[in-house]
Amino acid sequence: MAQIRKKTLKSKDEKGKPNVSYEVRINRSGGGTFSKSFRDKESARKWANEIESKLDTRQLVNVKHERTLMEVVFAEFAAHYVSEKTGRPINGLEEGRLKILAHDFEGFAVGVVSHEMIKNYIKKMLDQEIPVAKREKVHPLYKGHIKRNYSPSTVRKLYYQLKKAMEWHARTNGYRLDERLFEKQPIPAAWGGARERRLQGDEEQRLYDAARHGYDYKEESVRIIGFALETGMRAQEILLMRWQDFKIESRTVNIPKEHVKTGTFRQVPLSKRAVAILQEQLSVKSAESKRVFWQWKDSNHLGHHFRRICHRAGIEDLVFHDLRHEATSRFFEKGKLRDREIMEITGHTQYSTFERYVQLRESSLVDKMD
């Protein structure tokens, strides 16, 4: 229960009488301590009722500073996350999602975000048409003028970006979020819109040829495409890979957990071709950067670069992440590795995501029959 204490101040009013203030103090076990002073008792009582109501409904829990939740708006919150987050580096895609969230929650304080608000946000985003940017000149590769809706996978990523950032902010500022905030939310399925695009015919060779006829990073582009097809690693994992992670004696690459989307360390065995690619990449090793493929700052930059290569090669509907799907499919088609071994190589954490590869395993077994 709130305690309101009357305090006599040293200052005096117009009539020469000492001024008074009313200090409110609220102590809750596990809920933190709140205090604030007011000129009149009515204002003090009103504020105390508001805070206690929020504590009772778990909208405000264990907060060091009231401003942390009740005044920090999302734009400031997102900027704080980008500038001060430690651990896994912020990439372009993650920063882009934070900008979308800051825009969509503009004007809302972190403390007023509720379970129902997040639920409605998910529903609205699934039905939302992506705003069309107005440009006087449109680049041949620019597709922003085409009307389309947010995909379920994009909405899912926005949801988890919101969850991760808010949980980080709570840890950083010493408070607990409402445990019901992200409970049983209608999140789109992880594989609801899974792509099935694979390389067809001579498309792989056309990619290499187009890369060599590009404007920059010609041979490096050939190498990073080949390395992705040999390892099945995610774009972010490849771009964050350092020379110290490459063990030539054991033909492996160690991927630290902070470089992995699932936060799990793994060791990727390398084919002879993958090792040869890394040895070739040594010829352009950077003195300033420890990264192997330092030419691209993040997966967003690489994605734009790969789109230009595809355009030059005359290849439609192919993104860099499709190379991971192609590599995984090839692991199954070779028939030399068990499912669990492939999961260890690619870093998939759920066996259910492998169901779409089963047919590839079956066809390879049939080929072995007399």
Foldseek 3Di string as FASTA:
>chain_A
DKDWDKDFDPDADPVRHTQIKIKIWDDDVQFAIDIDIGRDPVVNVVVVVVVVVCVVVQLGGQFPDPCLFQPDALVNLLVCCQPDPDFQHDFPVLNVLSVVVSVVRPPHGNSVQAQVNLLVVLVCQQVDKPDQDDDPDDDPLDDSNDIDGDDLQNSLVSSVSVVVSSVVSCVVRGGDHDPCNPPPRPRRDNCPPPDPDADDDCNLVLLLVLLCVDDDPSLVSNLVLVLCLFQLEDQQQQQPFFPVQQDPVQQKGWGQLSSDPVSDTAIAHGDPVNSVSLVVLVVVDDPVDRHSSPVAPGQVRVFVVSSSSCVSSVHPDDTSNVSSVNNLLVVLLVLPDDPVVSCRRNVDDDCVVCPVSVVSNVVSVVVVDD
